PDB file of N, CA and C in Angstrom:
ATOM      1  N   SER A   1      58.252 123.263 134.638  1.00  0.00           N
ATOM      2  CA  SER A   1      57.670 122.011 134.487  1.00  0.00           C
ATOM      3  C   SER A   1      58.873 121.263 134.399  1.00  0.00           C
ATOM      4  N   SER A   2      58.601 119.653 135.093  1.00  0.00           N
ATOM      5  CA  SER A   2      59.945 118.651 135.126  1.00  0.00           C
ATOM      6  C   SER A   2      59.009 117.616 134.432  1.00  0.00           C
ATOM      7  N   GLY A   3      60.044 116.542 134.346  1.00  0.00           N
ATOM      8  CA  GLY A   3      59.540 115.303 133.675  1.00  0.00           C
ATOM      9  C   GLY A   3      60.039 115.296 132.197  1.00  0.00           C
ATOM     10  N   ILE A   4      59.532 114.284 131.496  1.00  0.00           N
ATOM     11  CA  ILE A   4      59.873 114.150 130.151  1.00  0.00           C
ATOM     12  C   ILE A   4      59.249 115.300 129.231  1.00  0.00           C
ATOM     13  N   ASN A   5      58.203 115.771 129.623  1.00  0.00           N
ATOM     14  CA  ASN A   5      57.698 117.113 129.023  1.00  0.00           C
ATOM     15  C   ASN A   5      58.472 118.338 129.292  1.00  0.00           C
ATOM     16  N   ALA A   6      59.410 118.240 130.029  1.00  0.00           N
ATOM     17  CA  ALA A   6      60.133 119.627 130.534  1.00  0.00           C
ATOM     18  C   ALA A   6      60.592 120.314 129.462  1.00  0.00           C
ATOM     19  N   GLU A   7      60.693 121.595 129.369  1.00  0.00           N
ATOM     20  CA  GLU A   7      61.115 122.365 128.261  1.00  0.00           C
ATOM     21  C   GLU A   7      62.694 123.155 128.919  1.00  0.00           C
ATOM     22  N   TYR A   8      63.551 123.251 127.988  1.00  0.00           N
ATOM     23  CA  TYR A   8      64.778 123.966 128.553  1.00  0.00           C
ATOM     24  C   TYR A   8      64.457 125.479 128.236  1.00  0.00           C
ATOM     25  N   GLY A   9      63.373 125.906 127.803  1.00  0.00           N
ATOM     26  CA  GLY A   9      63.195 127.413 127.744  1.00  0.00           C
ATOM     27  C   GLY A   9      63.035 127.709 126.289  1.00  0.00           C
ATOM     28  N   GLU A  10      62.531 128.936 125.844  1.00  0.00           N
ATOM     29  CA  GLU A  10      62.060 129.293 124.687  1.00  0.00           C
ATOM     30  C   GLU A  10      63.703 129.368 123.598  1.00  0.00           C
ATOM     31  N   ASN A  11      64.707 129.795 124.532  1.00  0.00           N
ATOM     32  CA  ASN A  11      65.866 129.891 123.799  1.00  0.00           C
ATOM     33  C   ASN A  11      67.057 129.172 124.459  1.00  0.00           C
ATOM     34  N   PRO A  12      67.047 127.892 123.859  1.00  0.00           N
ATOM     35  CA  PRO A  12      67.933 126.922 124.369  1.00  0.00           C
ATOM     36  C   PRO A  12      69.390 127.304 123.858  1.00  0.00           C
ATOM     37  N   GLU A  13      70.260 127.241 124.901  1.00  0.00           N
ATOM     38  CA  GLU A  13      71.602 127.810 124.818  1.00  0.00           C
ATOM     39  C   GLU A  13      72.375 126.490 124.566  1.00  0.00           C
ATOM     40  N   THR A  14      72.483 125.467 125.071  1.00  0.00           N
ATOM     41  CA  THR A  14      73.387 124.535 124.900  1.00  0.00           C
ATOM     42  C   THR A  14      73.072 123.485 123.917  1.00  0.00           C
ATOM     43  N   LEU A  15      73.976 122.607 123.200  1.00  0.00           N
ATOM     44  CA  LEU A  15      73.664 121.730 122.197  1.00  0.00           C
ATOM     45  C   LEU A  15      72.725 120.917 122.770  1.00  0.00           C
ATOM     46  N   ILE A  16      72.635 120.147 123.825  1.00  0.00           N
ATOM     47  CA  ILE A  16      71.889 119.319 124.395  1.00  0.00           C
ATOM     48  C   ILE A  16      70.376 119.970 124.406  1.00  0.00           C
ATOM     49  N   GLU A  17      70.312 121.182 124.948  1.00  0.00           N
ATOM     50  CA  GLU A  17      68.902 121.884 124.862  1.00  0.00           C
ATOM     51  C   GLU A  17      68.367 121.927 123.721  1.00  0.00           C
ATOM     52  N   ARG A  18      69.093 122.389 122.430  1.00  0.00           N
ATOM     53  CA  ARG A  18      68.668 122.364 121.177  1.00  0.00           C
ATOM     54  C   ARG A  18      68.315 121.059 120.660  1.00  0.00           C
ATOM     55  N   LEU A  19      69.337 119.835 120.989  1.00  0.00           N
ATOM     56  CA  LEU A  19      68.845 118.588 120.540  1.00  0.00           C
ATOM     57  C   LEU A  19      67.558 118.216 121.354  1.00  0.00           C
ATOM     58  N   TRP A  20      67.294 118.346 122.309  1.00  0.00           N
ATOM     59  CA  TRP A  20      66.251 117.947 123.030  1.00  0.00           C
ATOM     60  C   TRP A  20      64.669 118.726 122.120  1.00  0.00           C
ATOM     61  N   ASN A  21      64.971 119.862 122.072  1.00  0.00           N
ATOM     62  CA  ASN A  21      63.807 120.262 121.137  1.00  0.00           C
ATOM     63  C   ASN A  21      63.634 119.885 120.043  1.00  0.00           C
ATOM     64  N   PHE A  22      64.852 119.691 119.162  1.00  0.00           N
ATOM     65  CA  PHE A  22      64.951 119.090 118.029  1.00  0.00           C
ATOM     66  C   PHE A  22      64.135 117.719 117.978  1.00  0.00           C
ATOM     67  N   PHE A  23      64.278 116.852 118.799  1.00  0.00           N
ATOM     68  CA  PHE A  23      63.618 115.556 119.064  1.00  0.00           C
ATOM     69  C   PHE A  23      62.187 115.638 119.459  1.00  0.00           C
ATOM     70  N   LYS A  24      61.942 116.613 120.428  1.00  0.00           N
ATOM     71  CA  LYS A  24      60.559 116.858 121.009  1.00  0.00           C
ATOM     72  C   LYS A  24      59.573 117.714 120.189  1.00  0.00           C
ATOM     73  N   ASP A  25      60.141 118.490 119.528  1.00  0.00           N
ATOM     74  CA  ASP A  25      59.107 119.652 118.797  1.00  0.00           C
ATOM     75  C   ASP A  25      59.517 119.720 117.486  1.00  0.00           C
ATOM     76  N   PRO A  26      58.693 119.158 116.653  1.00  0.00           N
ATOM     77  CA  PRO A  26      59.044 119.499 114.995  1.00  0.00           C
ATOM     78  C   PRO A  26      58.951 120.728 114.477  1.00  0.00           C
ATOM     79  N   LYS A  27      58.255 121.570 115.413  1.00  0.00           N
ATOM     80  CA  LYS A  27      58.184 123.047 114.999  1.00  0.00           C
ATOM     81  C   LYS A  27      59.282 123.878 115.305  1.00  0.00           C
ATOM     82  N   SER A  28      60.130 123.107 116.106  1.00  0.00           N
ATOM     83  CA  SER A  28      61.389 123.971 116.721  1.00  0.00           C
ATOM     84  C   SER A  28      62.482 124.399 115.565  1.00  0.00           C
ATOM     85  N   SER A  29      62.352 123.786 114.424  1.00  0.00           N
ATOM     86  CA  SER A  29      63.452 123.971 113.411  1.00  0.00           C
ATOM     87  C   SER A  29      63.017 123.398 112.077  1.00  0.00           C
ATOM     88  N   GLN A  30      63.385 123.925 111.180  1.00  0.00           N
ATOM     89  CA  GLN A  30      63.322 123.184 109.639  1.00  0.00           C
ATOM     90  C   GLN A  30      63.860 121.597 109.817  1.00  0.00           C
ATOM     91  N   ALA A  31      65.065 121.623 110.420  1.00  0.00           N
ATOM     92  CA  ALA A  31      65.584 120.192 110.488  1.00  0.00           C
ATOM     93  C   ALA A  31      64.716 119.248 111.247  1.00  0.00           C
ATOM     94  N   ALA A  32      64.169 119.794 112.419  1.00  0.00           N
ATOM     95  CA  ALA A  32      63.294 119.070 113.160  1.00  0.00           C
ATOM     96  C   ALA A  32      62.134 118.550 112.609  1.00  0.00           C
ATOM     97  N   ARG A  33      61.435 119.479 111.671  1.00  0.00           N
ATOM     98  CA  ARG A  33      60.397 118.913 110.741  1.00  0.00           C
ATOM     99  C   ARG A  33      60.718 117.888 110.068  1.00  0.00           C
ATOM    100  N   ILE A  34      61.978 118.049 109.253  1.00  0.00           N
ATOM    101  CA  ILE A  34      62.367 116.999 108.370  1.00  0.00           C
ATOM    102  C   ILE A  34      62.722 115.759 109.079  1.00  0.00           C
ATOM    103  N   TRP A  35      63.261 115.763 110.322  1.00  0.00           N
ATOM    104  CA  TRP A  35      63.441 114.600 111.042  1.00  0.00           C
ATOM    105  C   TRP A  35      62.223 113.896 111.477  1.00  0.00           C
ATOM    106  N   ALA A  36      60.983 114.714 111.657  1.00  0.00           N
ATOM    107  CA  ALA A  36      59.917 114.222 112.229  1.00  0.00           C
ATOM    108  C   ALA A  36      59.155 113.489 110.815  1.00  0.00           C
ATOM    109  N   ILE A  37      59.325 114.140 109.642  1.00  0.00           N
ATOM    110  CA  ILE A  37      58.856 113.333 108.587  1.00  0.00           C
ATOM    111  C   ILE A  37      59.670 111.943 108.217  1.00  0.00           C
ATOM    112  N   ILE A  38      60.932 112.039 108.418  1.00  0.00           N
ATOM    113  CA  ILE A  38      61.620 110.712 108.363  1.00  0.00           C
ATOM    114  C   ILE A  38      61.392 109.759 109.471  1.00  0.00           C
ATOM    115  N   ASP A  39      60.964 110.094 110.551  1.00  0.00           N
ATOM    116  CA  ASP A  39      60.564 109.423 111.484  1.00  0.00           C
ATOM    117  C   ASP A  39      59.134 108.667 111.250  1.00  0.00           C
ATOM    118  N   VAL A  40      58.366 109.441 110.789  1.00  0.00           N
ATOM    119  CA  VAL A  40      56.866 108.694 110.296  1.00  0.00           C
ATOM    120  C   VAL A  40      57.158 107.823 109.261  1.00  0.00           C
ATOM    121  N   PHE A  41      57.961 108.263 108.114  1.00  0.00           N
ATOM    122  CA  PHE A  41      58.246 107.399 107.035  1.00  0.00           C
ATOM    123  C   PHE A  41      58.809 106.013 107.703  1.00  0.00           C
ATOM    124  N   ALA A  42      60.092 105.987 108.556  1.00  0.00           N
ATOM    125  CA  ALA A  42      60.526 104.876 109.176  1.00  0.00           C
ATOM    126  C   ALA A  42      59.546 104.063 109.840  1.00  0.00           C
ATOM    127  N   ILE A  43      58.572 104.895 110.585  1.00  0.00           N
ATOM    128  CA  ILE A  43      57.716 103.824 111.213  1.00  0.00           C
ATOM    129  C   ILE A  43      56.771 103.060 110.508  1.00  0.00           C
ATOM    130  N   THR A  44      56.318 103.888 109.260  1.00  0.00           N
ATOM    131  CA  THR A  44      55.376 103.424 108.233  1.00  0.00           C
ATOM    132  C   THR A  44      56.346 101.981 107.395  1.00  0.00           C
ATOM    133  N   VAL A  45      57.436 102.316 107.165  1.00  0.00           N
ATOM    134  CA  VAL A  45      58.287 101.174 106.394  1.00  0.00           C
ATOM    135  C   VAL A  45      58.391 100.001 107.452  1.00  0.00           C
ATOM    136  N   ALA A  46      58.663 100.100 108.739  1.00  0.00           N
ATOM    137  CA  ALA A  46      58.787  99.322 109.500  1.00  0.00           C
ATOM    138  C   ALA A  46      57.468  98.308 109.762  1.00  0.00           C
ATOM    139  N   VAL A  47      56.421  99.176 109.705  1.00  0.00           N
ATOM    140  CA  VAL A  47      55.017  98.278 109.939  1.00  0.00           C
ATOM    141  C   VAL A  47      54.906  97.507 108.859  1.00  0.00           C
ATOM    142  N   ILE A  48      54.841  98.163 107.508  1.00  0.00           N
ATOM    143  CA  ILE A  48      54.766  97.622 106.347  1.00  0.00           C
ATOM    144  C   ILE A  48      55.686  96.371 106.097  1.00  0.00           C
ATOM    145  N   LEU A  49      57.014  96.536 106.542  1.00  0.00           N
ATOM    146  CA  LEU A  49      57.807  95.220 106.648  1.00  0.00           C
ATOM    147  C   LEU A  49      57.528  94.087 107.386  1.00  0.00           C
ATOM    148  N   PHE A  50      56.877  94.523 108.720  1.00  0.00           N
ATOM    149  CA  PHE A  50      56.325  93.684 109.692  1.00  0.00           C
ATOM    150  C   PHE A  50      55.059  92.775 109.086  1.00  0.00           C
ATOM    151  N   ILE A  51      54.314  93.590 108.334  1.00  0.00           N
ATOM    152  CA  ILE A  51      53.105  93.020 107.683  1.00  0.00           C
ATOM    153  C   ILE A  51      53.414  92.130 106.623  1.00  0.00           C
ATOM    154  N   VAL A  52      54.195  92.566 105.691  1.00  0.00           N
ATOM    155  CA  VAL A  52      54.345  91.712 104.435  1.00  0.00           C
ATOM    156  C   VAL A  52      55.359  90.597 104.880  1.00  0.00           C
ATOM    157  N   GLU A  53      56.144  90.573 105.685  1.00  0.00           N
ATOM    158  CA  GLU A  53      56.949  89.342 106.423  1.00  0.00           C
ATOM    159  C   GLU A  53      55.868  88.254 106.754  1.00  0.00           C
ATOM    160  N   THR A  54      54.848  88.426 107.027  1.00  0.00           N
ATOM    161  CA  THR A  54      53.857  87.497 107.523  1.00  0.00           C
ATOM    162  C   THR A  54      53.015  86.823 106.303  1.00  0.00           C
ATOM    163  N   MET A  55      53.378  87.153 105.332  1.00  0.00           N
ATOM    164  CA  MET A  55      52.754  86.551 104.027  1.00  0.00           C
ATOM    165  C   MET A  55      53.281  85.494 103.605  1.00  0.00           C
ATOM    166  N   PRO A  56      52.774  84.517 103.269  1.00  0.00           N
ATOM    167  CA  PRO A  56      53.274  83.044 103.185  1.00  0.00           C
ATOM    168  C   PRO A  56      54.344  83.293 101.975  1.00  0.00           C
ATOM    169  N   VAL A  57      54.098  83.710 100.718  1.00  0.00           N
ATOM    170  CA  VAL A  57      55.033  83.821  99.587  1.00  0.00           C
ATOM    171  C   VAL A  57      56.179  84.645 100.174  1.00  0.00           C
ATOM    172  N   VAL A  58      55.951  85.658 100.717  1.00  0.00           N
ATOM    173  CA  VAL A  58      57.376  86.464 101.131  1.00  0.00           C
ATOM    174  C   VAL A  58      58.074  85.504 102.281  1.00  0.00           C
ATOM    175  N   LYS A  59      57.396  84.963 103.370  1.00  0.00           N
ATOM    176  CA  LYS A  59      58.146  84.051 104.093  1.00  0.00           C
ATOM    177  C   LYS A  59      58.896  82.944 103.518  1.00  0.00           C
ATOM    178  N   GLU A  60      58.281  82.359 102.480  1.00  0.00           N
ATOM    179  CA  GLU A  60      59.330  81.486 101.617  1.00  0.00           C
ATOM    180  C   GLU A  60      60.310  81.854 101.085  1.00  0.00           C
ATOM    181  N   GLU A  61      60.257  83.338 100.314  1.00  0.00           N
ATOM    182  CA  GLU A  61      61.471  83.852  99.948  1.00  0.00           C
ATOM    183  C   GLU A  61      62.513  84.314 100.871  1.00  0.00           C
ATOM    184  N   LEU A  62      61.999  84.524 102.142  1.00  0.00           N
ATOM    185  CA  LEU A  62      63.130  85.114 103.091  1.00  0.00           C
ATOM    186  C   LEU A  62      63.767  83.862 103.726  1.00  0.00           C
ATOM    187  N   LYS A  63      63.542  82.769 103.329  1.00  0.00           N
ATOM    188  CA  LYS A  63      64.288  81.549 103.984  1.00  0.00           C
ATOM    189  C   LYS A  63      65.640  81.438 103.278  1.00  0.00           C
ATOM    190  N   ASN A  64      65.664  82.075 102.219  1.00  0.00           N
ATOM    191  CA  ASN A  64      66.871  82.006 101.309  1.00  0.00           C
ATOM    192  C   ASN A  64      67.706  83.318 101.366  1.00  0.00           C
ATOM    193  N   PRO A  65      68.764  83.393 102.311  1.00  0.00           N
ATOM    194  CA  PRO A  65      69.550  84.613 102.441  1.00  0.00           C
ATOM    195  C   PRO A  65      70.335  85.251 101.159  1.00  0.00           C
ATOM    196  N   ASN A  66      70.245  84.289 100.152  1.00  0.00           N
ATOM    197  CA  ASN A  66      70.882  84.645  98.723  1.00  0.00           C
ATOM    198  C   ASN A  66      69.991  85.433  98.066  1.00  0.00           C
ATOM    199  N   LYS A  67      68.741  85.520  98.295  1.00  0.00           N
ATOM    200  CA  LYS A  67      67.822  86.177  97.210  1.00  0.00           C
ATOM    201  C   LYS A  67      67.720  87.595  97.585  1.00  0.00           C
ATOM    202  N   ILE A  68      67.301  88.351  96.551  1.00  0.00           N
ATOM    203  CA  ILE A  68      67.288  89.975  96.689  1.00  0.00           C
ATOM    204  C   ILE A  68      66.155  90.353  97.542  1.00  0.00           C
ATOM    205  N   VAL A  69      65.306  89.576  97.779  1.00  0.00           N
ATOM    206  CA  VAL A  69      64.145  89.789  98.669  1.00  0.00           C
ATOM    207  C   VAL A  69      64.453  89.778 100.231  1.00  0.00           C
ATOM    208  N   TYR A  70      65.528  88.893 100.443  1.00  0.00           N
ATOM    209  CA  TYR A  70      66.104  88.877 101.831  1.00  0.00           C
ATOM    210  C   TYR A  70      66.880  89.836 102.049  1.00  0.00           C
ATOM    211  N   THR A  71      67.748  90.263 101.004  1.00  0.00           N
ATOM    212  CA  THR A  71      68.729  91.145 101.390  1.00  0.00           C
ATOM    213  C   THR A  71      67.852  92.783 101.356  1.00  0.00           C
ATOM    214  N   THR A  72      66.935  92.904 100.414  1.00  0.00           N
ATOM    215  CA  THR A  72      66.109  93.978 100.629  1.00  0.00           C
ATOM    216  C   THR A  72      65.468  94.378 102.048  1.00  0.00           C
ATOM    217  N   PHE A  73      64.947  93.139 102.533  1.00  0.00           N
ATOM    218  CA  PHE A  73      64.123  93.390 103.977  1.00  0.00           C
ATOM    219  C   PHE A  73      65.243  93.470 104.750  1.00  0.00           C
ATOM    220  N   PHE A  74      66.388  92.670 104.712  1.00  0.00           N
ATOM    221  CA  PHE A  74      67.463  93.067 105.834  1.00  0.00           C
ATOM    222  C   PHE A  74      67.960  94.413 105.900  1.00  0.00           C
ATOM    223  N   VAL A  75      68.158  94.937 104.667  1.00  0.00           N
ATOM    224  CA  VAL A  75      68.809  96.368 104.582  1.00  0.00           C
ATOM    225  C   VAL A  75      67.801  97.340 105.240  1.00  0.00           C
ATOM    226  N   ALA A  76      66.513  97.234 104.570  1.00  0.00           N
ATOM    227  CA  ALA A  76      65.272  98.232 105.143  1.00  0.00           C
ATOM    228  C   ALA A  76      65.096  98.019 106.826  1.00  0.00           C
ATOM    229  N   GLU A  77      65.022  96.827 107.165  1.00  0.00           N
ATOM    230  CA  GLU A  77      64.966  96.686 108.774  1.00  0.00           C
ATOM    231  C   GLU A  77      65.974  97.202 109.430  1.00  0.00           C
ATOM    232  N   THR A  78      67.259  97.117 109.017  1.00  0.00           N
ATOM    233  CA  THR A  78      68.606  97.604 109.637  1.00  0.00           C
ATOM    234  C   THR A  78      68.561  99.048 109.527  1.00  0.00           C
ATOM    235  N   ILE A  79      68.144  99.686 108.445  1.00  0.00           N
ATOM    236  CA  ILE A  79      68.031 101.276 108.419  1.00  0.00           C
ATOM    237  C   ILE A  79      66.949 101.859 109.528  1.00  0.00           C
ATOM    238  N   CYS A  80      66.018 101.084 109.489  1.00  0.00           N
ATOM    239  CA  CYS A  80      64.728 101.483 110.596  1.00  0.00           C
ATOM    240  C   CYS A  80      65.298 101.345 111.980  1.00  0.00           C
ATOM    241  N   VAL A  81      65.882 100.180 112.258  1.00  0.00           N
ATOM    242  CA  VAL A  81      66.333  99.882 113.544  1.00  0.00           C
ATOM    243  C   VAL A  81      67.364 100.958 113.946  1.00  0.00           C
ATOM    244  N   LEU A  82      68.376 101.196 113.005  1.00  0.00           N
ATOM    245  CA  LEU A  82      69.473 102.177 113.362  1.00  0.00           C
ATOM    246  C   LEU A  82      68.784 103.501 113.487  1.00  0.00           C
ATOM    247  N   PHE A  83      67.849 103.690 112.995  1.00  0.00           N
ATOM    248  CA  PHE A  83      67.170 105.339 112.943  1.00  0.00           C
ATOM    249  C   PHE A  83      66.466 105.359 114.270  1.00  0.00           C
ATOM    250  N   PHE A  84      65.572 104.265 114.609  1.00  0.00           N
ATOM    251  CA  PHE A  84      65.067 104.386 115.904  1.00  0.00           C
ATOM    252  C   PHE A  84      65.998 104.255 117.259  1.00  0.00           C
ATOM    253  N   THR A  85      67.068 103.668 117.056  1.00  0.00           N
ATOM    254  CA  THR A  85      68.121 103.553 118.076  1.00  0.00           C
ATOM    255  C   THR A  85      68.828 104.951 118.178  1.00  0.00           C
ATOM    256  N   VAL A  86      68.979 105.716 117.032  1.00  0.00           N
ATOM    257  CA  VAL A  86      69.734 106.897 116.952  1.00  0.00           C
ATOM    258  C   VAL A  86      68.754 107.859 117.861  1.00  0.00           C
ATOM    259  N   GLU A  87      67.477 107.865 117.496  1.00  0.00           N
ATOM    260  CA  GLU A  87      66.405 108.495 118.167  1.00  0.00           C
ATOM    261  C   GLU A  87      66.160 108.472 119.535  1.00  0.00           C
ATOM    262  N   LEU A  88      66.346 107.121 120.031  1.00  0.00           N
ATOM    263  CA  LEU A  88      65.829 106.937 121.586  1.00  0.00           C
ATOM    264  C   LEU A  88      67.140 107.097 122.005  1.00  0.00           C
ATOM    265  N   VAL A  89      68.411 106.893 121.802  1.00  0.00           N
ATOM    266  CA  VAL A  89      69.539 107.353 122.689  1.00  0.00           C
ATOM    267  C   VAL A  89      69.640 108.889 122.412  1.00  0.00           C
ATOM    268  N   GLY A  90      69.374 109.595 121.589  1.00  0.00           N
ATOM    269  CA  GLY A  90      69.440 110.810 121.389  1.00  0.00           C
ATOM    270  C   GLY A  90      68.353 111.640 122.496  1.00  0.00           C
ATOM    271  N   ARG A  91      67.393 111.152 122.528  1.00  0.00           N
ATOM    272  CA  ARG A  91      66.330 111.678 123.387  1.00  0.00           C
ATOM    273  C   ARG A  91      66.612 111.255 124.909  1.00  0.00           C
ATOM    274  N   LEU A  92      67.149 110.154 125.044  1.00  0.00           N
ATOM    275  CA  LEU A  92      67.439 109.775 126.499  1.00  0.00           C
ATOM    276  C   LEU A  92      68.685 110.770 126.774  1.00  0.00           C
ATOM    277  N   ILE A  93      69.723 110.918 125.879  1.00  0.00           N
ATOM    278  CA  ILE A  93      70.936 111.726 126.330  1.00  0.00           C
ATOM    279  C   ILE A  93      70.316 113.333 126.645  1.00  0.00           C
ATOM    280  N   CYS A  94      69.693 113.807 125.693  1.00  0.00           N
ATOM    281  CA  CYS A  94      69.078 115.148 125.800  1.00  0.00           C
ATOM    282  C   CYS A  94      68.022 115.386 126.872  1.00  0.00           C
ATOM    283  N   CYS A  95      67.398 114.343 127.239  1.00  0.00           N
ATOM    284  CA  CYS A  95      66.133 114.711 127.942  1.00  0.00           C
ATOM    285  C   CYS A  95      66.603 115.352 129.364  1.00  0.00           C
ATOM    286  N   PRO A  96      65.788 116.341 129.801  1.00  0.00           N
ATOM    287  CA  PRO A  96      66.140 117.041 130.991  1.00  0.00           C
ATOM    288  C   PRO A  96      65.668 116.304 132.231  1.00  0.00           C
ATOM    289  N   ASP A  97      65.017 115.319 132.397  1.00  0.00           N
ATOM    290  CA  ASP A  97      64.800 114.405 133.544  1.00  0.00           C
ATOM    291  C   ASP A  97      64.802 112.877 133.014  1.00  0.00           C
ATOM    292  N   LYS A  98      66.008 112.424 133.346  1.00  0.00           N
ATOM    293  CA  LYS A  98      66.398 111.103 133.002  1.00  0.00           C
ATOM    294  C   LYS A  98      65.210 110.066 133.600  1.00  0.00           C
ATOM    295  N   VAL A  99      64.999 110.315 134.876  1.00  0.00           N
ATOM    296  CA  VAL A  99      64.077 109.344 135.653  1.00  0.00           C
ATOM    297  C   VAL A  99      62.682 109.471 134.995  1.00  0.00           C
ATOM    298  N   ALA A 100      62.263 110.513 134.763  1.00  0.00           N
ATOM    299  CA  ALA A 100      60.913 110.550 134.043  1.00  0.00           C
ATOM    300  C   ALA A 100      60.892 109.860 132.636  1.00  0.00           C
ATOM    301  N   PHE A 101      62.041 110.098 131.918  1.00  0.00           N
ATOM    302  CA  PHE A 101      62.133 109.416 130.632  1.00  0.00           C
ATOM    303  C   PHE A 101      62.163 107.885 130.800  1.00  0.00           C
ATOM    304  N   LEU A 102      62.907 107.512 131.787  1.00  0.00           N
ATOM    305  CA  LEU A 102      62.854 105.901 132.004  1.00  0.00           C
ATOM    306  C   LEU A 102      61.525 105.524 132.507  1.00  0.00           C
ATOM    307  N   LYS A 103      60.760 106.114 133.027  1.00  0.00           N
ATOM    308  CA  LYS A 103      59.515 105.733 133.729  1.00  0.00           C
ATOM    309  C   LYS A 103      58.361 105.791 132.779  1.00  0.00           C
ATOM    310  N   THR A 104      58.748 106.358 131.498  1.00  0.00           N
ATOM    311  CA  THR A 104      57.596 106.428 130.273  1.00  0.00           C
ATOM    312  C   THR A 104      57.637 105.151 129.481  1.00  0.00           C
ATOM    313  N   LEU A 105      56.318 104.634 129.565  1.00  0.00           N
ATOM    314  CA  LEU A 105      55.980 103.527 128.867  1.00  0.00           C
ATOM    315  C   LEU A 105      56.294 103.330 127.446  1.00  0.00           C
ATOM    316  N   MET A 106      56.269 104.551 126.816  1.00  0.00           N
ATOM    317  CA  MET A 106      56.627 104.412 125.371  1.00  0.00           C
ATOM    318  C   MET A 106      57.941 104.281 125.190  1.00  0.00           C
ATOM    319  N   ASN A 107      59.014 104.881 125.832  1.00  0.00           N
ATOM    320  CA  ASN A 107      60.170 104.873 125.725  1.00  0.00           C
ATOM    321  C   ASN A 107      60.712 103.146 126.065  1.00  0.00           C
ATOM    322  N   TRP A 108      60.205 102.509 126.921  1.00  0.00           N
ATOM    323  CA  TRP A 108      60.288 101.173 127.256  1.00  0.00           C
ATOM    324  C   TRP A 108      60.103 100.342 125.821  1.00  0.00           C
ATOM    325  N   ILE A 109      58.708 100.725 125.518  1.00  0.00           N
ATOM    326  CA  ILE A 109      58.137  99.915 124.158  1.00  0.00           C
ATOM    327  C   ILE A 109      59.293 100.059 123.085  1.00  0.00           C
ATOM    328  N   ASP A 110      59.666 101.359 122.855  1.00  0.00           N
ATOM    329  CA  ASP A 110      60.832 101.503 121.826  1.00  0.00           C
ATOM    330  C   ASP A 110      61.996 100.796 122.119  1.00  0.00           C
ATOM    331  N   PHE A 111      62.298 100.871 123.585  1.00  0.00           N
ATOM    332  CA  PHE A 111      63.659  99.976 123.755  1.00  0.00           C
ATOM    333  C   PHE A 111      63.585  98.555 123.641  1.00  0.00           C
ATOM    334  N   ILE A 112      62.500  97.933 124.364  1.00  0.00           N
ATOM    335  CA  ILE A 112      62.298  96.538 124.004  1.00  0.00           C
ATOM    336  C   ILE A 112      62.063  96.242 122.429  1.00  0.00           C
ATOM    337  N   THR A 113      61.447  96.844 121.721  1.00  0.00           N
ATOM    338  CA  THR A 113      61.396  96.687 120.339  1.00  0.00           C
ATOM    339  C   THR A 113      62.654  96.742 119.599  1.00  0.00           C
ATOM    340  N   ILE A 114      63.606  97.670 119.986  1.00  0.00           N
ATOM    341  CA  ILE A 114      64.785  97.680 119.211  1.00  0.00           C
ATOM    342  C   ILE A 114      65.636  96.474 119.563  1.00  0.00           C
ATOM    343  N   ILE A 115      65.506  96.133 121.093  1.00  0.00           N
ATOM    344  CA  ILE A 115      66.315  94.957 121.530  1.00  0.00           C
ATOM    345  C   ILE A 115      65.918  93.716 120.648  1.00  0.00           C
ATOM    346  N   LEU A 116      64.729  93.390 120.792  1.00  0.00           N
ATOM    347  CA  LEU A 116      64.075  92.308 120.091  1.00  0.00           C
ATOM    348  C   LEU A 116      64.431  92.096 118.573  1.00  0.00           C
ATOM    349  N   THR A 117      64.351  93.465 117.873  1.00  0.00           N
ATOM    350  CA  THR A 117      64.641  93.257 116.631  1.00  0.00           C
ATOM    351  C   THR A 117      66.311  93.011 116.165  1.00  0.00           C
ATOM    352  N   LEU A 118      66.919  93.588 117.136  1.00  0.00           N
ATOM    353  CA  LEU A 118      68.533  93.254 117.157  1.00  0.00           C
ATOM    354  C   LEU A 118      68.936  91.665 117.427  1.00  0.00           C
ATOM    355  N   PHE A 119      68.088  91.228 118.227  1.00  0.00           N
ATOM    356  CA  PHE A 119      68.540  89.854 118.689  1.00  0.00           C
ATOM    357  C   PHE A 119      67.420  88.688 118.105  1.00  0.00           C
ATOM    358  N   SER A 120      66.619  89.055 116.893  1.00  0.00           N
ATOM    359  CA  SER A 120      65.802  88.166 116.231  1.00  0.00           C
ATOM    360  C   SER A 120      66.619  87.529 115.093  1.00  0.00           C
TER     361      SER A 120
END
C-alpha cells in the first residue's frame, strides 16, 4: 500500500521506519502509547486554553503581560505548539510517501494552525 497510510512492514528496520510506526500506530510500542496519551492531553489543553481565552474576565487578565495568568497561558500554549510542531515535522520526515502526506487535509490544518499560533 502507498500513501500516508503506507506501512514499512511488520518489522521496521531503520530508525525512520520505527519512528513512522511510533507516530502512526499507538499500539506499536509502549512509548507510542505514551506519546498518543500525551498527544490527546496536549490537544485537550490547547482546546481548553482557546475556549478560556475567550472569556471576558480572562481576556482582561491577558492584557497585562506581567500577570501570572498571562505567563501561565503563554507557557502552556508554547509547550502545546512545540509538541504539535515536533509531531508534524516528525511525521513528515518519517512518512513513506511525502506527496500523499502533503495532500492530506489534516496535515495542512495542523501546519496552518501551528503557523497562525506562532505569528499571533
